[in-house]
Amino acid sequence: MVREIVFHLGDCKTGTTSIQSVLASQAWQSAAAQICYPARFNNIPLAKTLSVESEKKFQRKRFQALLKDFESSDADIGVVSAEHFEFVDPKVLKSAIEEYLPDYVGRIRLVAYVRPHADRLVSTFAERSKKGLFNKPLAGMHDKLIEDRLLFYTARFNAWREAFGDSFTLRPFLRDELHQGDVVQDFFRFVFSGADFTVTQPTQQNESLSVADVAMMRRLHSRIRSLGGGGKPLRQAQQALGWYLSDILASLPAVKGAEKPRLHRELAHKVVEAYSADAEMLDNQFFGGRPLMKQALAAAPKKAVEAPQSFRAVDHFSAAELRLIEAWAQLISRMIAADESHFMWAVRPESQRGPKPRRD
C-alpha cells in the first residue's frame, strides 16, 4: 500500500505529455522511494468523471480501480497525472478523495504548473488548431480565452489552495525556475521531495509546430469535416488524429528557418493589458512577490512579429502540395467513416493503446 498520493494537475501545455511518458515508461530510478503509476499513459478518464457530465457515471468504478492499484502496490508514492484537472472544481476532487480514498486524507500532495499568459495563448491556439477545434485567427483565440476566463489564473489557483491548503504547490513553467531547466526533472524532484533520482530516458524536448504545420493541419481538418458531415464521433476522431499526427511532426527534424506561431505586436499589447493585473496578483500570492509572470508578460510585445501571421494553407503550400493534402483528407475520411473507434485506437502509439475495439 502506497503511503501517499501525488496529484499532478497540469496545466495543459506545461510539459504534461513529457512527464506522463516518463511515468508510463517507468523511466526513473531513486533509492529514496518507489512510484506506483497505474495509468496506461495518463489519468484523464478519471479526471473527466469529476467535470464531464457523460463521464460522471464511471466515477466510482474508476476511483475504486485506482484505490485497488494503490492498496496492492509495494511502492511508497502513488501518482495521478491528468492535465484535465485544470477544468475540475477543486472542491469536487476533494469530495471524491474523501469518498473514495478516505485513508489517504492528509496524505495527499498536489502540484500544478502555470505557463505565462502570452505563451499559453499561442500554445492553446496551436493545440486547438491541430485538433480541429479552432479555425479562426489567433486574435480570435485571445477573444475566446478572455470570454472563457481560462487565463485569469489567480482565482483558479487560489481555489486549489483554499481546498487543499499547503498540500497544493504551484510551480512557474519558466526554464530558469525549473530544476535543471526541465519540467520533467522539476516534477520528479517534487515527487521525491528533493531526494536524489535519475530520469533514464530523454525528456522529449520536441520542436513546437511551425506556422506551416498548423496551416496544413487546419486545412486537413477543414476538409475532413466537410467530407465527413460532422457529428461527435467525427470530432473525436479528428482530435485523436490531430494529437498524434502533431506528435509525429514535432518529433521530426525541424525545417530550417521555419516560422513558429507568434503574437503580432498589436495583439501582444492587448494581451499585456488584459492580463497584467492577474500576472501581478499571481506573483504576489504564489511566488513571494517575485515578478515572474509580470516580467514574462511584459516581454510579449518585444517577442512579437509586426503583422499577423497567416495560417491559411494556400499561403504556405503550392497547388501540388495542396492536392496531396486533399488526397490525404479524402483517404482519412474514408478510414474514419469505416470505423471511428478503431481509427482512434490505431492512430495512438502502440504503448498507449488499450485493447483493440471489438466490432459488434
Protein backbone atom coordinates (compact mmCIF):
# COMPACT_ATOMS: atom_id res chain seq x y z
CA MET A 1 0.00 0.00 0.00
CA VAL A 2 1.42 3.38 -1.02
CA ARG A 3 1.95 5.77 1.87
CA GLU A 4 0.98 8.98 0.00
CA ILE A 5 -0.52 10.13 -3.29
CA VAL A 6 0.74 12.93 -5.54
CA PHE A 7 -1.80 14.52 -7.90
CA HIS A 8 -0.24 16.18 -10.96
CA LEU A 9 -2.91 18.66 -12.07
CA GLY A 10 -1.43 20.06 -15.31
CA ASP A 11 -1.93 22.73 -16.54
CA CYS A 12 -2.35 21.94 -20.20
CA LYS A 13 0.65 22.98 -22.30
CA THR A 14 3.15 22.67 -19.45
CA GLY A 15 5.06 19.54 -20.46
CA THR A 16 2.43 17.10 -19.22
CA THR A 17 3.00 14.65 -22.08
CA SER A 18 6.72 14.51 -21.34
CA ILE A 19 6.07 13.89 -17.65
CA GLN A 20 3.47 11.21 -18.39
CA SER A 21 5.75 9.49 -20.90
CA VAL A 22 8.44 9.04 -18.23
CA LEU A 23 5.86 7.90 -15.67
CA ALA A 24 4.23 5.39 -18.03
CA SER A 25 7.62 4.02 -19.12
CA GLN A 26 8.82 3.78 -15.50
CA ALA A 27 11.90 5.62 -16.71
CA TRP A 28 13.25 6.79 -13.36
CA GLN A 29 15.47 5.47 -10.61
CA SER A 30 15.68 6.52 -6.97
CA ALA A 31 16.98 4.89 -3.82
CA ALA A 32 14.71 7.14 -1.77
CA ALA A 33 11.30 5.83 -2.86
CA GLN A 34 9.38 3.91 -5.50
CA ILE A 35 6.40 5.15 -7.52
CA CYS A 36 3.16 3.39 -8.40
CA TYR A 37 1.70 4.86 -11.60
CA PRO A 38 -1.10 2.54 -12.72
CA ALA A 39 -2.31 4.59 -15.71
CA ARG A 40 -1.59 3.32 -19.22
CA PHE A 41 -0.46 6.85 -20.10
CA ASN A 42 -2.47 9.39 -18.07
CA ASN A 43 -5.48 9.67 -15.77
CA ILE A 44 -7.60 11.93 -17.97
CA PRO A 45 -10.54 9.45 -17.94
CA LEU A 46 -10.51 9.60 -14.13
CA ALA A 47 -10.36 13.41 -14.07
CA LYS A 48 -13.21 13.69 -16.57
CA THR A 49 -15.55 11.85 -14.18
CA LEU A 50 -15.33 14.96 -12.00
CA SER A 51 -16.32 17.51 -14.63
CA VAL A 52 -17.82 15.93 -17.77
CA GLU A 53 -21.48 15.03 -17.34
CA SER A 54 -21.40 11.98 -19.61
CA GLU A 55 -18.39 10.58 -17.71
CA LYS A 56 -19.70 11.00 -14.15
CA LYS A 57 -21.40 7.58 -14.21
CA PHE A 58 -17.90 6.00 -14.30
CA GLN A 59 -16.61 7.90 -11.27
CA ARG A 60 -16.99 5.21 -8.63
CA LYS A 61 -15.61 2.47 -10.87
CA ARG A 62 -12.51 4.44 -11.86
CA PHE A 63 -11.69 5.67 -8.36
CA GLN A 64 -12.19 2.20 -6.91
CA ALA A 65 -9.82 0.78 -9.54
CA LEU A 66 -7.25 3.43 -8.61
CA LEU A 67 -7.60 2.62 -4.91
CA LYS A 68 -7.17 -1.09 -5.61
CA ASP A 69 -3.95 -0.42 -7.54
CA PHE A 70 -2.54 1.74 -4.75
CA GLU A 71 -3.54 -0.67 -1.99
CA SER A 72 -1.94 -3.64 -3.76
CA SER A 73 1.32 -1.81 -4.52
CA ASP A 74 4.57 -2.08 -2.56
CA ALA A 75 5.63 1.37 -3.78
CA ASP A 76 5.98 4.38 -1.50
CA ILE A 77 4.23 7.03 -3.63
CA GLY A 78 1.17 6.79 -5.84
CA VAL A 79 0.95 9.28 -8.70
CA VAL A 80 -2.13 10.53 -10.55
CA SER A 81 -1.47 12.72 -13.59
CA ALA A 82 -4.02 14.46 -15.82
CA GLU A 83 -3.94 17.91 -17.35
CA HIS A 84 -7.75 17.77 -17.42
CA PHE A 85 -7.72 18.61 -13.69
CA GLU A 86 -7.33 22.18 -14.96
CA PHE A 87 -11.07 22.06 -15.66
CA VAL A 88 -12.09 20.37 -12.39
CA ASP A 89 -13.53 22.19 -9.38
CA PRO A 90 -11.05 21.59 -6.53
CA LYS A 91 -13.91 21.05 -4.09
CA VAL A 92 -15.22 18.22 -6.28
CA LEU A 93 -11.84 16.48 -6.25
CA LYS A 94 -11.57 16.96 -2.50
CA SER A 95 -15.00 15.36 -2.03
CA ALA A 96 -14.02 12.45 -4.29
CA ILE A 97 -10.85 11.87 -2.26
CA GLU A 98 -12.86 11.87 0.97
CA GLU A 99 -15.38 9.42 -0.50
CA TYR A 100 -13.16 7.02 -2.45
CA LEU A 101 -9.70 7.45 -0.87
CA PRO A 102 -10.58 8.21 2.77
CA ASP A 103 -7.47 6.54 4.23
CA TYR A 104 -5.31 8.97 2.23
CA VAL A 105 -6.89 12.19 3.51
CA GLY A 106 -3.95 14.12 4.95
CA ARG A 107 -1.52 12.12 2.84
CA ILE A 108 -2.14 13.91 -0.46
CA ARG A 109 0.17 16.35 -2.23
CA LEU A 110 -0.83 18.26 -5.36
CA VAL A 111 1.27 20.13 -7.90
CA ALA A 112 0.36 22.28 -10.90
CA TYR A 113 2.47 24.25 -13.36
CA VAL A 114 1.44 27.62 -14.76
CA ARG A 115 2.61 28.92 -18.12
CA PRO A 116 2.98 32.69 -18.70
CA HIS A 117 -0.14 34.20 -20.24
CA ALA A 118 1.14 35.15 -23.69
CA ASP A 119 2.94 31.85 -24.27
CA ARG A 120 -0.11 29.91 -23.12
CA LEU A 121 -2.34 31.85 -25.52
CA VAL A 122 -0.17 30.94 -28.50
CA SER A 123 0.25 27.31 -27.45
CA THR A 124 -3.51 26.92 -26.85
CA PHE A 125 -4.17 28.33 -30.31
CA ALA A 126 -1.80 25.81 -31.89
CA GLU A 127 -3.17 22.96 -29.73
CA ARG A 128 -6.81 23.55 -30.61
CA SER A 129 -5.97 24.18 -34.25
CA LYS A 130 -4.10 20.89 -34.59
CA LYS A 131 -7.09 19.02 -33.10
CA GLY A 132 -9.57 20.64 -35.44
CA LEU A 133 -11.24 22.56 -32.61
CA PHE A 134 -10.44 26.10 -33.74
CA ASN A 135 -10.21 27.64 -37.18
CA LYS A 136 -10.26 31.39 -36.51
CA PRO A 137 -7.27 33.78 -36.41
CA LEU A 138 -5.01 33.99 -33.36
CA ALA A 139 -6.77 37.19 -32.28
CA GLY A 140 -9.98 35.16 -32.18
CA MET A 141 -8.39 32.79 -29.68
CA HIS A 142 -7.49 35.77 -27.49
CA ASP A 143 -11.14 36.87 -27.54
CA LYS A 144 -12.36 33.36 -26.70
CA LEU A 145 -9.97 32.89 -23.79
CA ILE A 146 -10.97 36.28 -22.39
CA GLU A 147 -14.60 35.19 -22.61
CA ASP A 148 -13.86 31.79 -21.02
CA ARG A 149 -11.54 33.41 -18.44
CA LEU A 150 -9.18 30.47 -18.83
CA LEU A 151 -6.01 32.54 -18.42
CA PHE A 152 -7.15 34.54 -15.40
CA TYR A 153 -5.09 32.23 -13.27
CA THR A 154 -5.12 33.67 -9.77
CA ALA A 155 -8.72 32.90 -8.81
CA ARG A 156 -8.45 29.33 -10.09
CA PHE A 157 -5.23 28.53 -8.26
CA ASN A 158 -6.49 30.24 -5.12
CA ALA A 159 -9.43 27.83 -5.22
CA TRP A 160 -6.97 24.90 -5.18
CA ARG A 161 -5.10 26.41 -2.25
CA GLU A 162 -8.33 27.06 -0.36
CA ALA A 163 -9.41 23.44 -0.86
CA PHE A 164 -6.06 21.77 -0.08
CA GLY A 165 -4.03 24.35 1.86
CA ASP A 166 -0.28 23.81 1.97
CA SER A 167 -0.69 20.42 0.28
CA PHE A 168 -1.07 22.34 -3.01
CA THR A 169 2.04 23.66 -4.78
CA LEU A 170 2.11 25.91 -7.84
CA ARG A 171 5.28 25.94 -9.94
CA PRO A 172 6.11 28.50 -12.67
CA PHE A 173 6.61 26.98 -16.11
CA LEU A 174 9.72 29.03 -16.74
CA ARG A 175 13.01 27.41 -17.72
CA ASP A 176 15.09 29.44 -15.27
CA GLU A 177 12.79 28.43 -12.40
CA LEU A 178 12.59 24.69 -13.15
CA HIS A 179 15.01 22.17 -11.66
CA GLN A 180 17.76 21.71 -14.25
CA GLY A 181 15.66 23.88 -16.58
CA ASP A 182 13.37 20.93 -17.31
CA VAL A 183 9.78 20.34 -16.20
CA VAL A 184 10.25 16.55 -16.02
CA GLN A 185 13.24 16.96 -13.69
CA ASP A 186 11.28 19.53 -11.69
CA PHE A 187 8.27 17.24 -11.33
CA PHE A 188 10.27 14.25 -10.10
CA ARG A 189 12.15 16.48 -7.68
CA PHE A 190 8.75 17.41 -6.25
CA VAL A 191 7.57 13.79 -6.13
CA PHE A 192 10.73 12.63 -4.34
CA SER A 193 10.71 15.70 -2.03
CA GLY A 194 14.18 16.73 -3.15
CA ALA A 195 15.83 13.30 -2.77
CA ASP A 196 18.23 12.10 -5.46
CA PHE A 197 16.78 10.47 -8.58
CA THR A 198 17.66 9.82 -12.21
CA VAL A 199 15.41 10.02 -15.26
CA THR A 200 16.51 7.25 -17.61
CA GLN A 201 15.02 8.38 -20.92
CA PRO A 202 15.13 11.63 -22.90
CA THR A 203 12.56 14.11 -21.65
CA GLN A 204 11.07 14.69 -25.10
CA GLN A 205 12.06 18.23 -25.86
CA ASN A 206 10.29 18.07 -29.23
CA GLU A 207 10.08 21.04 -31.58
CA SER A 208 6.84 23.01 -31.45
CA LEU A 209 4.78 23.07 -34.64
CA SER A 210 5.61 25.65 -37.27
CA VAL A 211 3.15 28.08 -38.83
CA ALA A 212 3.10 25.89 -41.94
CA ASP A 213 2.45 22.78 -39.81
CA VAL A 214 -0.55 24.44 -38.18
CA ALA A 215 -1.81 25.70 -41.53
CA MET A 216 -1.57 22.20 -43.02
CA MET A 217 -3.47 20.64 -40.12
CA ARG A 218 -6.17 23.28 -40.21
CA ARG A 219 -6.67 22.61 -43.93
CA LEU A 220 -6.70 18.85 -43.33
CA HIS A 221 -9.29 19.15 -40.57
CA SER A 222 -11.45 21.53 -42.59
CA ARG A 223 -11.62 19.10 -45.49
CA ILE A 224 -12.23 16.04 -43.27
CA ARG A 225 -15.04 17.88 -41.50
CA SER A 226 -16.56 18.86 -44.85
CA LEU A 227 -16.29 15.33 -46.25
CA GLY A 228 -17.46 13.61 -43.07
CA GLY A 229 -20.52 15.71 -42.34
CA GLY A 230 -19.71 16.49 -38.70
CA GLY A 231 -21.02 14.88 -35.54
CA LYS A 232 -19.42 13.88 -32.23
CA PRO A 233 -17.70 10.65 -33.45
CA LEU A 234 -16.02 12.59 -36.27
CA ARG A 235 -14.89 15.34 -33.88
CA GLN A 236 -13.40 12.77 -31.52
CA ALA A 237 -11.60 11.03 -34.39
CA GLN A 238 -10.24 14.37 -35.62
CA GLN A 239 -8.95 15.23 -32.16
CA ALA A 240 -7.14 11.89 -31.99
CA LEU A 241 -5.71 12.43 -35.47
CA GLY A 242 -4.55 15.94 -34.60
CA TRP A 243 -2.98 14.89 -31.31
CA TYR A 244 -0.90 12.03 -32.65
CA LEU A 245 -0.07 13.46 -36.07
CA SER A 246 1.26 16.59 -34.40
CA ASP A 247 3.39 14.43 -32.09
CA ILE A 248 4.96 12.84 -35.18
CA LEU A 249 5.54 16.24 -36.78
CA ALA A 250 7.11 17.57 -33.58
CA SER A 251 9.45 14.57 -33.33
CA LEU A 252 10.81 15.05 -36.86
CA PRO A 253 13.77 17.36 -37.54
CA ALA A 254 12.59 20.92 -37.89
CA VAL A 255 12.62 22.62 -41.28
CA LYS A 256 15.45 25.13 -41.23
CA GLY A 257 14.11 28.65 -40.86
CA ALA A 258 10.52 27.52 -40.30
CA GLU A 259 8.45 30.26 -38.70
CA LYS A 260 6.86 29.49 -35.31
CA PRO A 261 3.42 30.80 -34.26
CA ARG A 262 3.80 34.17 -32.53
CA LEU A 263 1.65 37.06 -31.43
CA HIS A 264 1.68 40.14 -33.61
CA ARG A 265 2.55 43.39 -31.89
CA GLU A 266 -0.92 44.92 -31.69
CA LEU A 267 -2.34 41.71 -30.21
CA ALA A 268 0.59 41.38 -27.80
CA HIS A 269 -0.20 44.80 -26.32
CA LYS A 270 -3.84 43.74 -25.89
CA VAL A 271 -2.70 40.60 -24.08
CA VAL A 272 -0.50 42.64 -21.74
CA GLU A 273 -3.39 44.98 -20.97
CA ALA A 274 -5.79 42.07 -20.36
CA TYR A 275 -3.61 40.04 -18.01
CA SER A 276 -1.23 42.45 -16.27
CA ALA A 277 -3.31 42.63 -13.09
CA ASP A 278 -3.65 38.84 -12.95
CA ALA A 279 0.09 38.36 -13.50
CA GLU A 280 0.92 40.71 -10.64
CA MET A 281 -1.58 39.02 -8.30
CA LEU A 282 -0.25 35.59 -9.17
CA ASP A 283 3.31 36.70 -8.44
CA ASN A 284 2.31 38.22 -5.11
CA GLN A 285 0.18 35.34 -3.91
CA PHE A 286 2.18 32.34 -5.13
CA PHE A 287 5.75 33.40 -5.93
CA GLY A 288 6.66 35.59 -2.99
CA GLY A 289 6.27 38.82 -4.92
CA ARG A 290 8.97 37.94 -7.44
CA PRO A 291 7.75 39.37 -10.79
CA LEU A 292 7.94 36.09 -12.70
CA MET A 293 4.63 36.21 -14.57
CA LYS A 294 4.69 40.01 -14.76
CA GLN A 295 8.09 40.10 -16.49
CA ALA A 296 7.19 37.26 -18.85
CA LEU A 297 4.01 39.10 -19.86
CA ALA A 298 5.78 42.43 -20.28
CA ALA A 299 8.24 40.79 -22.68
CA ALA A 300 5.48 39.67 -25.06
CA PRO A 301 5.45 42.76 -27.34
CA LYS A 302 9.24 42.54 -27.78
CA LYS A 303 8.94 38.93 -28.95
CA ALA A 304 6.00 39.65 -31.25
CA VAL A 305 6.07 39.93 -35.03
CA GLU A 306 4.92 43.12 -36.70
CA ALA A 307 1.91 41.79 -38.64
CA PRO A 308 -0.46 38.85 -38.05
CA GLN A 309 0.81 35.54 -39.40
CA SER A 310 -1.27 33.69 -41.96
CA PHE A 311 -2.49 30.21 -41.08
CA ARG A 312 -4.13 29.68 -44.48
CA ALA A 313 -2.70 26.67 -46.27
CA VAL A 314 -2.83 28.47 -49.64
CA ASP A 315 -0.25 30.95 -48.30
CA HIS A 316 2.25 28.19 -47.47
CA PHE A 317 1.81 25.38 -49.99
CA SER A 318 1.91 25.02 -53.74
CA ALA A 319 -1.02 23.74 -55.79
CA ALA A 320 0.71 20.35 -55.98
CA GLU A 321 1.12 20.23 -52.18
CA LEU A 322 -2.49 21.27 -51.61
CA ARG A 323 -3.51 18.43 -53.93
CA LEU A 324 -1.66 15.96 -51.70
CA ILE A 325 -3.33 17.36 -48.58
CA GLU A 326 -6.70 16.91 -50.28
CA ALA A 327 -5.86 13.31 -51.16
CA TRP A 328 -4.88 12.51 -47.57
CA ALA A 329 -8.05 14.21 -46.28
CA GLN A 330 -10.20 12.04 -48.53
CA LEU A 331 -8.39 8.84 -47.54
CA ILE A 332 -8.50 9.64 -43.80
CA SER A 333 -12.21 10.48 -44.09
CA ARG A 334 -12.87 7.04 -45.54
CA MET A 335 -10.95 5.39 -42.69
CA ILE A 336 -12.84 7.33 -40.02
CA ALA A 337 -16.21 6.62 -41.65
CA ALA A 338 -15.43 2.91 -41.83
CA ASP A 339 -14.77 2.56 -38.07
CA GLU A 340 -14.30 5.61 -35.84
CA SER A 341 -13.40 3.67 -32.70
CA HIS A 342 -10.77 1.55 -34.45
CA PHE A 343 -9.33 4.66 -36.10
CA MET A 344 -8.91 6.39 -32.73
CA TRP A 345 -7.22 3.24 -31.39
CA ALA A 346 -4.93 2.80 -34.40
CA VAL A 347 -3.52 6.35 -34.52
CA ARG A 348 -2.13 6.01 -30.98
CA PRO A 349 1.43 4.81 -30.41
CA GLU A 350 1.41 1.12 -29.51
CA SER A 351 2.46 1.89 -25.94
CA GLN A 352 -0.68 3.99 -25.41
CA ARG A 353 -3.23 1.60 -26.91
CA GLY A 354 -5.74 -0.29 -24.86
CA PRO A 355 -7.44 -3.47 -26.05
CA LYS A 356 -8.37 -3.42 -29.72
CA PRO A 357 -12.00 -2.30 -30.13
CA ARG A 358 -14.39 -5.14 -30.83
CA ARG A 359 -16.82 -4.82 -33.71
CA ASP A 360 -20.42 -5.75 -33.00
